Amino acid sequence: MVNVKKGVLVRCDPAMRQLLVYLDESRTLGSKFVVKELDETHILIDKEIVPILEQKLDQMMESLSPDLTDNLH
């Protein structure tokens, strides 16, 4: 029996790859999404999780960035 799953190849630096693996293992997005860890800069993820993953990464990056408009007042 063959299992077929649509995936997206992600090319990133090792730190982002490690974050993706952590999010996958901790099921932060509700389920596991890493299909295959290929090497230090490539990872194959489930196509269905991409919009949710993008939203989560945007939220994380936003929380790490200072709001520059607060410094103007």
C-alpha atoms as a PDB file:
ATOM      1  CA  MET A   1       0.000   0.000   0.000  1.00  0.00           C
ATOM      2  CA  VAL A   2       1.267   3.454  -0.910  1.00  0.00           C
ATOM      3  CA  ASN A   3       0.462   6.566   1.091  1.00  0.00           C
ATOM      4  CA  VAL A   4       0.409   9.799  -0.884  1.00  0.00           C
ATOM      5  CA  LYS A   5       0.445  13.200   0.755  1.00  0.00           C
ATOM      6  CA  LYS A   6       0.887  16.611  -0.864  1.00  0.00           C
ATOM      7  CA  GLY A   7       3.783  18.483   0.631  1.00  0.00           C
ATOM      8  CA  VAL A   8       5.672  21.728   0.366  1.00  0.00           C
ATOM      9  CA  LEU A   9       9.461  21.856   0.303  1.00  0.00           C
ATOM     10  CA  VAL A  10      10.703  24.545   2.684  1.00  0.00           C
ATOM     11  CA  ARG A  11      14.221  25.927   2.352  1.00  0.00           C
ATOM     12  CA  CYS A  12      15.325  27.808   5.464  1.00  0.00           C
ATOM     13  CA  ASP A  13      18.253  28.361   7.784  1.00  0.00           C
ATOM     14  CA  PRO A  14      18.977  25.735  10.472  1.00  0.00           C
ATOM     15  CA  ALA A  15      17.405  27.882  13.223  1.00  0.00           C
ATOM     16  CA  MET A  16      14.060  28.130  11.388  1.00  0.00           C
ATOM     17  CA  ARG A  17      14.190  24.415  10.600  1.00  0.00           C
ATOM     18  CA  GLN A  18      14.678  23.717  14.297  1.00  0.00           C
ATOM     19  CA  LEU A  19      11.675  25.946  15.119  1.00  0.00           C
ATOM     20  CA  LEU A  20       9.522  24.079  12.581  1.00  0.00           C
ATOM     21  CA  VAL A  21      10.536  20.738  14.083  1.00  0.00           C
ATOM     22  CA  TYR A  22       9.723  22.057  17.574  1.00  0.00           C
ATOM     23  CA  LEU A  23       6.282  23.302  16.464  1.00  0.00           C
ATOM     24  CA  ASP A  24       5.667  19.910  14.869  1.00  0.00           C
ATOM     25  CA  GLU A  25       6.770  17.841  17.872  1.00  0.00           C
ATOM     26  CA  SER A  26       4.857  19.997  20.372  1.00  0.00           C
ATOM     27  CA  ARG A  27       1.766  19.944  18.121  1.00  0.00           C
ATOM     28  CA  THR A  28       1.458  23.709  18.587  1.00  0.00           C
ATOM     29  CA  LEU A  29      -0.586  23.958  15.384  1.00  0.00           C
ATOM     30  CA  GLY A  30      -2.936  21.159  16.421  1.00  0.00           C
ATOM     31  CA  SER A  31      -1.265  18.272  14.636  1.00  0.00           C
ATOM     32  CA  LYS A  32       2.038  17.039  13.288  1.00  0.00           C
ATOM     33  CA  PHE A  33       2.890  18.545   9.905  1.00  0.00           C
ATOM     34  CA  VAL A  34       6.499  17.607   9.112  1.00  0.00           C
ATOM     35  CA  VAL A  35       6.446  14.944   6.420  1.00  0.00           C
ATOM     36  CA  LYS A  36      10.237  14.510   6.183  1.00  0.00           C
ATOM     37  CA  GLU A  37      13.340  16.237   7.530  1.00  0.00           C
ATOM     38  CA  LEU A  38      15.669  16.235   4.531  1.00  0.00           C
ATOM     39  CA  ASP A  39      18.818  18.059   5.659  1.00  0.00           C
ATOM     40  CA  GLU A  40      19.875  21.101   7.694  1.00  0.00           C
ATOM     41  CA  THR A  41      18.204  23.584   5.344  1.00  0.00           C
ATOM     42  CA  HIS A  42      15.334  21.614   3.781  1.00  0.00           C
ATOM     43  CA  ILE A  43      12.178  20.171   5.293  1.00  0.00           C
ATOM     44  CA  LEU A  44       9.044  18.774   3.669  1.00  0.00           C
ATOM     45  CA  ILE A  45       5.790  19.845   5.339  1.00  0.00           C
ATOM     46  CA  ASP A  46       2.110  19.038   4.809  1.00  0.00           C
ATOM     47  CA  LYS A  47       0.571  21.411   2.248  1.00  0.00           C
ATOM     48  CA  GLU A  48      -2.622  21.811   4.296  1.00  0.00           C
ATOM     49  CA  ILE A  49      -0.802  23.397   7.271  1.00  0.00           C
ATOM     50  CA  VAL A  50       0.934  26.190   5.298  1.00  0.00           C
ATOM     51  CA  PRO A  51      -1.678  28.962   5.896  1.00  0.00           C
ATOM     52  CA  ILE A  52      -1.862  28.150   9.620  1.00  0.00           C
ATOM     53  CA  LEU A  53       1.935  27.976   9.867  1.00  0.00           C
ATOM     54  CA  GLU A  54       2.364  31.333   8.100  1.00  0.00           C
ATOM     55  CA  GLN A  55      -0.113  32.942  10.501  1.00  0.00           C
ATOM     56  CA  LYS A  56       1.639  31.458  13.558  1.00  0.00           C
ATOM     57  CA  LEU A  57       5.088  32.554  12.357  1.00  0.00           C
ATOM     58  CA  ASP A  58       3.780  36.076  11.640  1.00  0.00           C
ATOM     59  CA  GLN A  59       2.362  36.258  15.179  1.00  0.00           C
ATOM     60  CA  MET A  60       5.639  35.052  16.669  1.00  0.00           C
ATOM     61  CA  MET A  61       7.718  37.530  14.667  1.00  0.00           C
ATOM     62  CA  GLU A  62       5.347  40.371  15.518  1.00  0.00           C
ATOM     63  CA  SER A  63       5.609  39.592  19.230  1.00  0.00           C
ATOM     64  CA  LEU A  64       9.412  39.730  18.981  1.00  0.00           C
ATOM     65  CA  SER A  65       9.486  43.063  17.136  1.00  0.00           C
ATOM     66  CA  PRO A  66       9.197  46.263  19.155  1.00  0.00           C
ATOM     67  CA  ASP A  67       6.415  48.612  18.148  1.00  0.00           C
ATOM     68  CA  LEU A  68       8.278  51.680  16.864  1.00  0.00           C
ATOM     69  CA  THR A  69       5.187  53.901  17.046  1.00  0.00           C
ATOM     70  CA  ASP A  70       5.213  53.582  20.864  1.00  0.00           C
ATOM     71  CA  ASN A  71       8.579  55.352  20.944  1.00  0.00           C
ATOM     72  CA  LEU A  72       7.256  58.375  19.030  1.00  0.00           C
ATOM     73  CA  HIS A  73       4.863  59.509  21.767  1.00  0.00           C
END
